[in-house]
Amino acid sequence: MAKLRSVLLVVLCLAGLQATSGVASPLPLSLNLGILSFDVLHAAQGNQLGVNVINLENLTGASSVPPDFPITTGLTFQNLILTILTQTTSLILNPAPLGPGSLPQANNLQFASNIEIVSITLQTTLNLTTFNAAGIGTVTAASPDILFVLSPSLGNSLQPGIDLEVVTVATAGASAVPEPASMLLGVSGLFILFVLGRIRN
């Protein structure tokens, strides 16, 4: 009886170890959502001023690029607000909600190359707070609200074609669906416990 119990306990321990193989990878503190950048649309030529443009890319869902942009669930940037601060004024824009892909290069996102932009502030709300991420599993955002500021990397104003930042979302937790083999071993472990109980009786 003791020998049988020892064998069953060894099998149970192996089953428990195998069942842990379905646990998700360690969850990062944040996940990349997209890119906010200040770019050159048309370069200056001679005495003719160039045109710079603000670009916002939502790199989730069909536009995801794992592992750098791993969110495979398509998210929508809702209630978008872009606040553009120049040397002389502040401009507030309210673009339409943005799903996976790029924000259209509307005229109000374009600026003559002689306009110095000090910063661009992005405010948005995600349509979902639970989503899937490649290599991680199901992830929950700490908050649906995103606040992000693009500041100059050098000097007092943004440099077109140089200044960009990755927009991120803070994470709150993750879970992984166990593999079928792990689930089977888990059930086997419960069955072994039941058998042990019957032997004792």
N, C-alpha and C. Protein backbone atom coordinates (compact mmCIF):
# COMPACT_ATOMS: atom_id res chain seq x y z
N MET A 1 0.83 -1.21 0.00
CA MET A 1 0.00 0.00 0.00
C MET A 1 0.87 1.26 0.00
N ALA A 2 1.92 1.24 0.83
CA ALA A 2 2.81 2.40 0.91
C ALA A 2 3.49 2.64 -0.43
N LYS A 3 3.89 1.53 -1.11
CA LYS A 3 4.55 1.66 -2.40
C LYS A 3 3.60 2.26 -3.43
N LEU A 4 2.36 1.80 -3.43
CA LEU A 4 1.37 2.32 -4.37
C LEU A 4 1.15 3.80 -4.13
N ARG A 5 1.07 4.19 -2.85
CA ARG A 5 0.85 5.60 -2.51
C ARG A 5 2.02 6.45 -3.00
N SER A 6 3.26 5.93 -2.85
CA SER A 6 4.44 6.68 -3.29
C SER A 6 4.41 6.90 -4.79
N VAL A 7 4.05 5.86 -5.52
CA VAL A 7 3.98 5.97 -6.98
C VAL A 7 2.93 7.00 -7.39
N LEU A 8 1.78 6.93 -6.75
CA LEU A 8 0.70 7.87 -7.09
C LEU A 8 1.10 9.31 -6.77
N LEU A 9 1.81 9.51 -5.66
CA LEU A 9 2.24 10.86 -5.28
C LEU A 9 3.25 11.41 -6.30
N VAL A 10 4.16 10.56 -6.79
CA VAL A 10 5.11 11.00 -7.79
C VAL A 10 4.39 11.42 -9.06
N VAL A 11 3.41 10.62 -9.50
CA VAL A 11 2.63 10.96 -10.70
C VAL A 11 1.90 12.27 -10.50
N LEU A 12 1.34 12.47 -9.32
CA LEU A 12 0.60 13.69 -9.03
C LEU A 12 1.52 14.91 -9.09
N CYS A 13 2.72 14.79 -8.54
CA CYS A 13 3.67 15.91 -8.57
C CYS A 13 4.07 16.25 -10.00
N LEU A 14 4.32 15.21 -10.82
CA LEU A 14 4.65 15.45 -12.22
C LEU A 14 3.51 16.13 -12.94
N ALA A 15 2.29 15.71 -12.63
CA ALA A 15 1.12 16.33 -13.26
C ALA A 15 1.02 17.80 -12.88
N GLY A 16 1.31 18.11 -11.62
CA GLY A 16 1.24 19.50 -11.18
C GLY A 16 2.29 20.36 -11.85
N LEU A 17 3.51 19.81 -12.01
CA LEU A 17 4.57 20.55 -12.67
C LEU A 17 4.23 20.81 -14.13
N GLN A 18 3.69 19.79 -14.80
CA GLN A 18 3.32 19.95 -16.21
C GLN A 18 2.20 20.95 -16.38
N ALA A 19 1.27 20.98 -15.43
CA ALA A 19 0.11 21.89 -15.53
C ALA A 19 0.54 23.34 -15.51
N THR A 20 1.69 23.64 -14.87
CA THR A 20 2.14 25.03 -14.80
C THR A 20 2.70 25.53 -16.12
N SER A 21 2.89 24.61 -17.09
CA SER A 21 3.47 25.03 -18.36
C SER A 21 2.54 25.95 -19.14
N GLY A 22 1.25 25.99 -18.78
CA GLY A 22 0.32 26.85 -19.49
C GLY A 22 0.24 28.25 -18.93
N VAL A 23 1.08 28.59 -17.93
CA VAL A 23 1.03 29.91 -17.32
C VAL A 23 1.67 30.93 -18.25
N ALA A 24 1.11 32.15 -18.30
CA ALA A 24 1.61 33.18 -19.21
C ALA A 24 3.00 33.64 -18.80
N SER A 25 3.70 34.24 -19.77
CA SER A 25 5.00 34.82 -19.50
C SER A 25 4.84 35.98 -18.52
N PRO A 26 5.94 36.37 -17.82
CA PRO A 26 5.85 37.50 -16.90
C PRO A 26 5.28 38.72 -17.61
N LEU A 27 4.36 39.40 -16.97
CA LEU A 27 3.66 40.52 -17.59
C LEU A 27 4.49 41.80 -17.49
N PRO A 28 4.73 42.48 -18.62
CA PRO A 28 5.44 43.76 -18.56
C PRO A 28 4.57 44.82 -17.92
N LEU A 29 5.21 45.89 -17.43
CA LEU A 29 4.47 46.97 -16.78
C LEU A 29 3.61 47.73 -17.77
N SER A 30 3.99 47.72 -19.05
CA SER A 30 3.21 48.42 -20.07
C SER A 30 3.38 47.70 -21.40
N LEU A 31 2.44 47.96 -22.31
CA LEU A 31 2.49 47.39 -23.66
C LEU A 31 2.39 48.53 -24.68
N ASN A 32 3.07 48.36 -25.79
CA ASN A 32 3.06 49.38 -26.83
C ASN A 32 1.76 49.36 -27.62
N LEU A 33 1.20 50.55 -27.81
CA LEU A 33 -0.05 50.70 -28.55
C LEU A 33 0.15 51.25 -29.96
N GLY A 34 1.09 52.18 -30.10
CA GLY A 34 1.28 52.85 -31.38
C GLY A 34 2.40 53.86 -31.31
N ILE A 35 2.41 54.75 -32.30
CA ILE A 35 3.48 55.75 -32.40
C ILE A 35 2.88 57.12 -32.67
N LEU A 36 3.37 58.11 -31.95
CA LEU A 36 3.05 59.52 -32.21
C LEU A 36 4.33 60.18 -32.70
N SER A 37 4.26 60.82 -33.87
CA SER A 37 5.49 61.38 -34.45
C SER A 37 5.22 62.71 -35.14
N PHE A 38 6.32 63.45 -35.33
CA PHE A 38 6.29 64.72 -36.06
C PHE A 38 7.20 64.53 -37.27
N ASP A 39 6.62 64.58 -38.47
CA ASP A 39 7.35 64.18 -39.67
C ASP A 39 7.35 65.25 -40.75
N VAL A 40 8.22 65.05 -41.72
CA VAL A 40 8.28 65.92 -42.90
C VAL A 40 7.32 65.39 -43.94
N LEU A 41 6.36 66.21 -44.35
CA LEU A 41 5.43 65.81 -45.41
C LEU A 41 5.98 66.25 -46.76
N HIS A 42 6.40 67.53 -46.85
CA HIS A 42 7.03 68.07 -48.05
C HIS A 42 8.25 68.88 -47.61
N ALA A 43 9.40 68.54 -48.11
CA ALA A 43 10.63 69.25 -47.74
C ALA A 43 10.65 70.63 -48.38
N ALA A 44 11.30 71.58 -47.71
CA ALA A 44 11.45 72.94 -48.24
C ALA A 44 12.32 72.90 -49.49
N GLN A 45 11.98 73.74 -50.46
CA GLN A 45 12.76 73.83 -51.69
C GLN A 45 13.02 75.29 -52.02
N GLY A 46 14.29 75.65 -51.98
CA GLY A 46 14.65 77.03 -52.25
C GLY A 46 13.99 77.98 -51.26
N ASN A 47 13.25 78.93 -51.78
CA ASN A 47 12.55 79.89 -50.93
C ASN A 47 11.17 79.40 -50.49
N GLN A 48 10.79 78.24 -51.00
CA GLN A 48 9.46 77.70 -50.67
C GLN A 48 9.52 76.90 -49.37
N LEU A 49 8.62 77.25 -48.47
CA LEU A 49 8.56 76.56 -47.19
C LEU A 49 8.12 75.11 -47.36
N GLY A 50 8.61 74.26 -46.48
CA GLY A 50 8.17 72.88 -46.47
C GLY A 50 6.92 72.72 -45.62
N VAL A 51 6.43 71.49 -45.55
CA VAL A 51 5.24 71.19 -44.75
C VAL A 51 5.56 70.00 -43.84
N ASN A 52 5.31 70.18 -42.55
CA ASN A 52 5.47 69.11 -41.57
C ASN A 52 4.10 68.61 -41.14
N VAL A 53 4.04 67.39 -40.62
CA VAL A 53 2.75 66.79 -40.30
C VAL A 53 2.86 65.96 -39.01
N ILE A 54 1.76 65.93 -38.28
CA ILE A 54 1.67 65.09 -37.09
C ILE A 54 1.06 63.75 -37.51
N ASN A 55 1.73 62.67 -37.15
CA ASN A 55 1.25 61.33 -37.47
C ASN A 55 0.95 60.57 -36.19
N LEU A 56 -0.16 59.84 -36.21
CA LEU A 56 -0.53 58.96 -35.10
C LEU A 56 -0.89 57.60 -35.69
N GLU A 57 -0.20 56.56 -35.23
CA GLU A 57 -0.46 55.21 -35.71
C GLU A 57 -0.96 54.33 -34.57
N ASN A 58 -2.05 53.63 -34.83
CA ASN A 58 -2.61 52.65 -33.90
C ASN A 58 -2.13 51.28 -34.36
N LEU A 59 -1.15 50.73 -33.65
CA LEU A 59 -0.53 49.46 -34.07
C LEU A 59 -1.05 48.30 -33.23
N THR A 60 -2.37 48.13 -33.26
CA THR A 60 -3.01 46.99 -32.61
C THR A 60 -3.82 46.23 -33.66
N GLY A 61 -4.32 45.06 -33.28
CA GLY A 61 -5.17 44.29 -34.19
C GLY A 61 -4.45 43.93 -35.48
N ALA A 62 -5.06 44.23 -36.62
CA ALA A 62 -4.49 43.91 -37.92
C ALA A 62 -3.19 44.67 -38.18
N SER A 63 -2.96 45.75 -37.45
CA SER A 63 -1.74 46.54 -37.63
C SER A 63 -0.67 46.21 -36.60
N SER A 64 -0.91 45.21 -35.76
CA SER A 64 0.06 44.86 -34.73
C SER A 64 1.32 44.29 -35.37
N VAL A 65 2.45 44.50 -34.68
CA VAL A 65 3.74 44.02 -35.17
C VAL A 65 4.48 43.37 -34.00
N PRO A 66 4.07 42.13 -33.62
CA PRO A 66 4.75 41.45 -32.51
C PRO A 66 6.23 41.22 -32.86
N PRO A 67 7.13 41.23 -31.87
CA PRO A 67 6.83 41.39 -30.45
C PRO A 67 6.81 42.84 -29.96
N ASP A 68 7.21 43.80 -30.83
CA ASP A 68 7.30 45.19 -30.37
C ASP A 68 5.93 45.80 -30.11
N PHE A 69 4.97 45.49 -30.97
CA PHE A 69 3.60 45.96 -30.80
C PHE A 69 2.72 44.72 -30.79
N PRO A 70 2.56 44.08 -29.62
CA PRO A 70 2.02 42.72 -29.55
C PRO A 70 0.51 42.60 -29.40
N ILE A 71 -0.22 43.71 -29.28
CA ILE A 71 -1.65 43.62 -28.99
C ILE A 71 -2.40 43.20 -30.25
N THR A 72 -2.88 41.97 -30.27
CA THR A 72 -3.54 41.41 -31.45
C THR A 72 -5.03 41.71 -31.51
N THR A 73 -5.60 42.19 -30.42
CA THR A 73 -6.99 42.64 -30.42
C THR A 73 -7.04 44.05 -30.99
N GLY A 74 -7.92 44.29 -31.94
CA GLY A 74 -8.03 45.63 -32.51
C GLY A 74 -8.66 46.60 -31.51
N LEU A 75 -7.90 47.61 -31.13
CA LEU A 75 -8.40 48.62 -30.21
C LEU A 75 -8.71 49.90 -30.95
N THR A 76 -9.60 50.70 -30.40
CA THR A 76 -9.97 51.99 -30.98
C THR A 76 -9.60 53.10 -30.01
N PHE A 77 -8.91 54.13 -30.55
CA PHE A 77 -8.62 55.32 -29.76
C PHE A 77 -9.85 56.23 -29.83
N GLN A 78 -10.61 56.26 -28.75
CA GLN A 78 -11.83 57.07 -28.71
C GLN A 78 -11.57 58.42 -28.02
N ASN A 79 -12.49 59.36 -28.26
CA ASN A 79 -12.42 60.68 -27.61
C ASN A 79 -11.03 61.30 -27.76
N LEU A 80 -10.52 61.25 -28.98
CA LEU A 80 -9.18 61.75 -29.24
C LEU A 80 -9.09 63.27 -29.08
N ILE A 81 -8.05 63.70 -28.39
CA ILE A 81 -7.75 65.12 -28.25
C ILE A 81 -6.25 65.30 -28.48
N LEU A 82 -5.89 66.15 -29.43
CA LEU A 82 -4.50 66.51 -29.67
C LEU A 82 -4.32 67.98 -29.34
N THR A 83 -3.44 68.27 -28.42
CA THR A 83 -3.15 69.66 -28.05
C THR A 83 -1.75 70.01 -28.56
N ILE A 84 -1.69 70.92 -29.52
CA ILE A 84 -0.42 71.31 -30.14
C ILE A 84 0.00 72.66 -29.58
N LEU A 85 1.13 72.68 -28.93
CA LEU A 85 1.65 73.91 -28.34
C LEU A 85 2.78 74.43 -29.22
N THR A 86 2.61 75.65 -29.74
CA THR A 86 3.67 76.29 -30.54
C THR A 86 4.30 77.40 -29.70
N GLN A 87 5.25 78.10 -30.31
CA GLN A 87 5.91 79.19 -29.60
C GLN A 87 4.96 80.34 -29.30
N THR A 88 3.85 80.41 -30.03
CA THR A 88 2.96 81.57 -29.87
C THR A 88 1.54 81.23 -29.47
N THR A 89 1.11 79.98 -29.66
CA THR A 89 -0.29 79.66 -29.40
C THR A 89 -0.48 78.19 -29.04
N SER A 90 -1.71 77.85 -28.70
CA SER A 90 -2.07 76.47 -28.40
C SER A 90 -3.28 76.09 -29.25
N LEU A 91 -3.20 74.94 -29.91
CA LEU A 91 -4.26 74.49 -30.80
C LEU A 91 -4.78 73.15 -30.30
N ILE A 92 -6.10 73.04 -30.16
CA ILE A 92 -6.73 71.80 -29.70
C ILE A 92 -7.53 71.19 -30.84
N LEU A 93 -7.23 69.94 -31.17
CA LEU A 93 -7.91 69.24 -32.24
C LEU A 93 -8.64 68.02 -31.70
N ASN A 94 -9.75 67.66 -32.35
CA ASN A 94 -10.54 66.49 -31.95
C ASN A 94 -10.74 65.57 -33.15
N PRO A 95 -9.73 64.78 -33.49
CA PRO A 95 -9.86 63.86 -34.63
C PRO A 95 -10.92 62.80 -34.37
N ALA A 96 -11.38 62.17 -35.43
CA ALA A 96 -12.34 61.08 -35.31
C ALA A 96 -11.67 59.88 -34.62
N PRO A 97 -12.47 58.99 -34.01
CA PRO A 97 -11.88 57.79 -33.40
C PRO A 97 -10.99 57.04 -34.38
N LEU A 98 -9.90 56.49 -33.85
CA LEU A 98 -8.91 55.82 -34.70
C LEU A 98 -8.80 54.36 -34.34
N GLY A 99 -9.19 53.48 -35.30
CA GLY A 99 -8.97 52.04 -35.13
C GLY A 99 -7.58 51.70 -35.60
N PRO A 100 -7.26 50.40 -35.74
CA PRO A 100 -5.94 50.01 -36.22
C PRO A 100 -5.60 50.69 -37.54
N GLY A 101 -4.42 51.28 -37.62
CA GLY A 101 -4.02 52.01 -38.81
C GLY A 101 -3.51 53.39 -38.45
N SER A 102 -3.47 54.27 -39.45
CA SER A 102 -2.91 55.61 -39.28
C SER A 102 -3.99 56.69 -39.32
N LEU A 103 -3.75 57.75 -38.57
CA LEU A 103 -4.65 58.90 -38.59
C LEU A 103 -4.49 59.61 -39.94
N PRO A 104 -5.60 59.91 -40.64
CA PRO A 104 -5.51 60.62 -41.93
C PRO A 104 -4.77 61.94 -41.77
N GLN A 105 -3.95 62.27 -42.76
CA GLN A 105 -3.14 63.50 -42.69
C GLN A 105 -3.98 64.70 -43.11
N ALA A 106 -4.90 65.06 -42.23
CA ALA A 106 -5.79 66.19 -42.50
C ALA A 106 -5.00 67.50 -42.51
N ASN A 107 -5.60 68.52 -43.13
CA ASN A 107 -4.92 69.81 -43.23
C ASN A 107 -4.59 70.41 -41.87
N ASN A 108 -5.47 70.17 -40.87
CA ASN A 108 -5.21 70.78 -39.56
C ASN A 108 -4.09 70.07 -38.80
N LEU A 109 -3.56 68.98 -39.38
CA LEU A 109 -2.40 68.32 -38.78
C LEU A 109 -1.11 68.69 -39.49
N GLN A 110 -1.23 69.59 -40.48
CA GLN A 110 -0.07 70.00 -41.27
C GLN A 110 0.34 71.43 -40.90
N PHE A 111 1.65 71.65 -40.87
CA PHE A 111 2.17 72.95 -40.44
C PHE A 111 3.33 73.36 -41.33
N ALA A 112 3.38 74.64 -41.64
CA ALA A 112 4.50 75.17 -42.41
C ALA A 112 5.79 74.94 -41.64
N SER A 113 6.87 74.71 -42.36
CA SER A 113 8.14 74.34 -41.73
C SER A 113 8.75 75.44 -40.87
N ASN A 114 8.22 76.67 -40.99
CA ASN A 114 8.75 77.75 -40.14
C ASN A 114 8.00 77.88 -38.81
N ILE A 115 7.02 77.02 -38.59
CA ILE A 115 6.28 77.02 -37.31
C ILE A 115 6.96 76.05 -36.35
N GLU A 116 7.37 76.57 -35.22
CA GLU A 116 8.04 75.74 -34.22
C GLU A 116 7.02 75.18 -33.24
N ILE A 117 6.95 73.87 -33.17
CA ILE A 117 6.02 73.21 -32.25
C ILE A 117 6.79 72.77 -31.02
N VAL A 118 6.32 73.18 -29.86
CA VAL A 118 7.00 72.91 -28.59
C VAL A 118 6.66 71.52 -28.06
N SER A 119 5.39 71.12 -28.20
CA SER A 119 4.98 69.80 -27.71
C SER A 119 3.64 69.42 -28.33
N ILE A 120 3.37 68.10 -28.31
CA ILE A 120 2.08 67.58 -28.75
C ILE A 120 1.57 66.66 -27.64
N THR A 121 0.39 66.95 -27.13
CA THR A 121 -0.20 66.13 -26.07
C THR A 121 -1.35 65.31 -26.64
N LEU A 122 -1.29 64.02 -26.41
CA LEU A 122 -2.33 63.10 -26.87
C LEU A 122 -3.16 62.64 -25.69
N GLN A 123 -4.47 62.76 -25.80
CA GLN A 123 -5.40 62.21 -24.82
C GLN A 123 -6.41 61.34 -25.56
N THR A 124 -6.63 60.15 -25.05
CA THR A 124 -7.60 59.25 -25.68
C THR A 124 -8.09 58.23 -24.68
N THR A 125 -9.17 57.55 -25.04
CA THR A 125 -9.73 56.48 -24.21
C THR A 125 -9.86 55.23 -25.05
N LEU A 126 -9.33 54.12 -24.55
CA LEU A 126 -9.43 52.86 -25.27
C LEU A 126 -10.85 52.31 -25.18
N ASN A 127 -11.32 51.69 -26.26
CA ASN A 127 -12.67 51.12 -26.25
C ASN A 127 -12.75 49.84 -25.44
N LEU A 128 -11.60 49.19 -25.21
CA LEU A 128 -11.54 47.95 -24.43
C LEU A 128 -10.43 48.04 -23.40
N THR A 129 -10.64 47.39 -22.27
CA THR A 129 -9.58 47.34 -21.26
C THR A 129 -9.02 45.92 -21.10
N THR A 130 -9.64 44.96 -21.77
CA THR A 130 -9.13 43.58 -21.77
C THR A 130 -8.89 43.16 -23.21
N PHE A 131 -7.70 42.67 -23.49
CA PHE A 131 -7.33 42.34 -24.85
C PHE A 131 -6.24 41.27 -24.85
N ASN A 132 -5.95 40.74 -26.03
CA ASN A 132 -4.93 39.70 -26.16
C ASN A 132 -3.63 40.29 -26.68
N ALA A 133 -2.54 39.74 -26.16
CA ALA A 133 -1.21 40.16 -26.60
C ALA A 133 -0.40 38.92 -26.96
N ALA A 134 0.24 38.94 -28.12
CA ALA A 134 1.01 37.80 -28.59
C ALA A 134 2.13 37.45 -27.62
N GLY A 135 2.22 36.17 -27.27
CA GLY A 135 3.27 35.70 -26.39
C GLY A 135 3.00 35.95 -24.92
N ILE A 136 1.88 36.59 -24.60
CA ILE A 136 1.57 36.92 -23.21
C ILE A 136 0.25 36.30 -22.78
N GLY A 137 -0.80 36.52 -23.56
CA GLY A 137 -2.12 36.01 -23.20
C GLY A 137 -3.11 37.15 -23.07
N THR A 138 -4.08 36.97 -22.20
CA THR A 138 -5.11 37.98 -21.98
C THR A 138 -4.59 39.02 -20.98
N VAL A 139 -4.69 40.27 -21.37
CA VAL A 139 -4.13 41.37 -20.57
C VAL A 139 -5.24 42.36 -20.22
N THR A 140 -5.16 42.89 -19.02
CA THR A 140 -6.10 43.93 -18.58
C THR A 140 -5.34 45.23 -18.38
N ALA A 141 -5.84 46.30 -18.97
CA ALA A 141 -5.21 47.61 -18.81
C ALA A 141 -5.52 48.17 -17.44
N ALA A 142 -4.56 48.89 -16.87
CA ALA A 142 -4.78 49.52 -15.57
C ALA A 142 -5.87 50.59 -15.68
N SER A 143 -5.98 51.22 -16.84
CA SER A 143 -7.00 52.25 -17.08
C SER A 143 -7.21 52.37 -18.59
N PRO A 144 -8.44 52.70 -19.01
CA PRO A 144 -8.67 52.91 -20.44
C PRO A 144 -8.15 54.27 -20.93
N ASP A 145 -7.82 55.15 -20.00
CA ASP A 145 -7.42 56.52 -20.36
C ASP A 145 -5.92 56.60 -20.63
N ILE A 146 -5.58 57.22 -21.76
CA ILE A 146 -4.18 57.37 -22.17
C ILE A 146 -3.86 58.87 -22.23
N LEU A 147 -2.76 59.24 -21.59
CA LEU A 147 -2.26 60.62 -21.65
C LEU A 147 -0.79 60.55 -21.99
N PHE A 148 -0.41 61.22 -23.08
CA PHE A 148 0.95 61.10 -23.57
C PHE A 148 1.41 62.43 -24.15
N VAL A 149 2.66 62.80 -23.87
CA VAL A 149 3.21 64.07 -24.35
C VAL A 149 4.46 63.80 -25.18
N LEU A 150 4.46 64.29 -26.41
CA LEU A 150 5.64 64.24 -27.26
C LEU A 150 6.41 65.54 -27.08
N SER A 151 7.62 65.43 -26.53
CA SER A 151 8.46 66.60 -26.25
C SER A 151 9.71 66.56 -27.11
N PRO A 152 10.37 67.71 -27.28
CA PRO A 152 11.59 67.74 -28.11
C PRO A 152 12.69 66.85 -27.53
N SER A 153 13.35 66.11 -28.41
CA SER A 153 14.50 65.32 -27.98
C SER A 153 15.74 66.19 -27.87
N LEU A 154 15.72 67.33 -28.56
CA LEU A 154 16.85 68.26 -28.54
C LEU A 154 16.34 69.67 -28.78
N GLY A 155 16.80 70.61 -27.99
CA GLY A 155 16.38 72.00 -28.17
C GLY A 155 15.01 72.28 -27.58
N ASN A 156 14.39 73.36 -28.08
CA ASN A 156 13.13 73.82 -27.52
C ASN A 156 11.91 73.51 -28.38
N SER A 157 12.12 72.89 -29.54
CA SER A 157 10.99 72.59 -30.41
C SER A 157 11.20 71.22 -31.07
N LEU A 158 10.10 70.63 -31.50
CA LEU A 158 10.15 69.31 -32.13
C LEU A 158 10.88 69.37 -33.46
N GLN A 159 11.66 68.33 -33.73
CA GLN A 159 12.41 68.25 -34.98
C GLN A 159 11.70 67.27 -35.92
N PRO A 160 11.19 67.77 -37.06
CA PRO A 160 10.46 66.89 -37.98
C PRO A 160 11.36 65.78 -38.54
N GLY A 161 10.81 64.57 -38.58
CA GLY A 161 11.58 63.44 -39.06
C GLY A 161 12.48 62.83 -38.02
N ILE A 162 12.53 63.42 -36.84
CA ILE A 162 13.38 62.92 -35.76
C ILE A 162 12.57 62.56 -34.52
N ASP A 163 11.71 63.49 -34.11
CA ASP A 163 11.00 63.29 -32.84
C ASP A 163 9.79 62.38 -33.00
N LEU A 164 9.82 61.29 -32.26
CA LEU A 164 8.69 60.36 -32.19
C LEU A 164 8.77 59.62 -30.87
N GLU A 165 7.65 59.12 -30.44
CA GLU A 165 7.60 58.35 -29.21
C GLU A 165 6.58 57.22 -29.37
N VAL A 166 6.81 56.15 -28.60
CA VAL A 166 5.88 55.03 -28.59
C VAL A 166 4.80 55.28 -27.54
N VAL A 167 3.56 55.17 -27.94
CA VAL A 167 2.43 55.34 -27.02
C VAL A 167 2.18 53.99 -26.34
N THR A 168 2.06 53.99 -25.03
CA THR A 168 1.92 52.74 -24.28
C THR A 168 0.67 52.76 -23.39
N VAL A 169 0.30 51.57 -22.92
CA VAL A 169 -0.78 51.43 -21.95
C VAL A 169 -0.25 50.64 -20.77
N ALA A 170 -0.54 51.10 -19.56
CA ALA A 170 -0.11 50.39 -18.35
C ALA A 170 -0.97 49.15 -18.17
N THR A 171 -0.36 48.07 -17.72
CA THR A 171 -1.07 46.81 -17.54
C THR A 171 -1.42 46.58 -16.08
N ALA A 172 -2.48 45.79 -15.88
CA ALA A 172 -2.93 45.50 -14.51
C ALA A 172 -2.86 44.02 -14.17
N GLY A 173 -2.92 43.14 -15.18
CA GLY A 173 -2.90 41.71 -14.90
C GLY A 173 -2.98 40.92 -16.18
N ALA A 174 -2.61 39.63 -16.12
CA ALA A 174 -2.66 38.77 -17.31
C ALA A 174 -3.03 37.36 -16.90
N SER A 175 -3.59 36.63 -17.83
CA SER A 175 -3.91 35.23 -17.60
C SER A 175 -3.68 34.47 -18.89
N ALA A 176 -3.46 33.17 -18.78
CA ALA A 176 -3.25 32.34 -19.97
C ALA A 176 -4.19 31.15 -19.90
N VAL A 177 -4.72 30.73 -21.04
CA VAL A 177 -5.56 29.55 -21.09
C VAL A 177 -4.66 28.33 -21.08
N PRO A 178 -4.83 27.38 -20.13
CA PRO A 178 -3.96 26.21 -20.08
C PRO A 178 -4.07 25.39 -21.35
N GLU A 179 -2.93 24.77 -21.73
CA GLU A 179 -2.94 23.90 -22.89
C GLU A 179 -3.78 22.66 -22.58
N PRO A 180 -4.36 22.00 -23.61
CA PRO A 180 -5.19 20.80 -23.37
C PRO A 180 -4.47 19.73 -22.58
N ALA A 181 -3.18 19.51 -22.87
CA ALA A 181 -2.43 18.48 -22.15
C ALA A 181 -2.31 18.83 -20.68
N SER A 182 -2.12 20.12 -20.39
CA SER A 182 -2.01 20.56 -19.00
C SER A 182 -3.34 20.37 -18.27
N MET A 183 -4.44 20.66 -18.97
CA MET A 183 -5.76 20.49 -18.36
C MET A 183 -6.01 19.02 -18.06
N LEU A 184 -5.59 18.12 -18.99
CA LEU A 184 -5.79 16.69 -18.78
C LEU A 184 -5.00 16.20 -17.57
N LEU A 185 -3.78 16.68 -17.43
CA LEU A 185 -2.96 16.26 -16.30
C LEU A 185 -3.54 16.78 -14.99
N GLY A 186 -4.11 17.97 -15.04
CA GLY A 186 -4.74 18.51 -13.84
C GLY A 186 -5.91 17.66 -13.39
N VAL A 187 -6.73 17.23 -14.35
CA VAL A 187 -7.86 16.36 -14.03
C VAL A 187 -7.36 15.03 -13.50
N SER A 188 -6.27 14.53 -14.10
CA SER A 188 -5.69 13.26 -13.64
C SER A 188 -5.25 13.37 -12.19
N GLY A 189 -4.71 14.53 -11.83
CA GLY A 189 -4.28 14.72 -10.45
C GLY A 189 -5.44 14.65 -9.49
N LEU A 190 -6.56 15.25 -9.86
CA LEU A 190 -7.74 15.20 -9.00
C LEU A 190 -8.24 13.76 -8.87
N PHE A 191 -8.19 13.01 -9.97
CA PHE A 191 -8.62 11.61 -9.93
C PHE A 191 -7.73 10.79 -8.99
N ILE A 192 -6.43 11.05 -9.03
CA ILE A 192 -5.50 10.33 -8.15
C ILE A 192 -5.80 10.63 -6.68
N LEU A 193 -6.10 11.89 -6.39
CA LEU A 193 -6.47 12.25 -5.01
C LEU A 193 -7.71 11.48 -4.57
N PHE A 194 -8.67 11.33 -5.48
CA PHE A 194 -9.90 10.61 -5.17
C PHE A 194 -9.57 9.14 -4.87
N VAL A 195 -8.70 8.53 -5.69
CA VAL A 195 -8.31 7.13 -5.48
C VAL A 195 -7.62 6.94 -4.13
N LEU A 196 -6.73 7.87 -3.80
CA LEU A 196 -6.04 7.80 -2.50
C LEU A 196 -7.02 7.83 -1.34
N GLY A 197 -8.04 8.69 -1.48
CA GLY A 197 -9.05 8.78 -0.43
C GLY A 197 -9.80 7.48 -0.28
N ARG A 198 -10.12 6.82 -1.40
CA ARG A 198 -10.85 5.56 -1.32
C ARG A 198 -10.00 4.45 -0.71
N ILE A 199 -8.68 4.45 -1.02
CA ILE A 199 -7.80 3.43 -0.46
C ILE A 199 -7.71 3.55 1.05
N ARG A 200 -7.66 4.80 1.52
CA ARG A 200 -7.60 5.02 2.98
C ARG A 200 -8.82 4.46 3.68
N ASN A 201 -9.97 4.55 2.99
CA ASN A 201 -11.20 4.06 3.60
C ASN A 201 -11.31 2.52 3.47
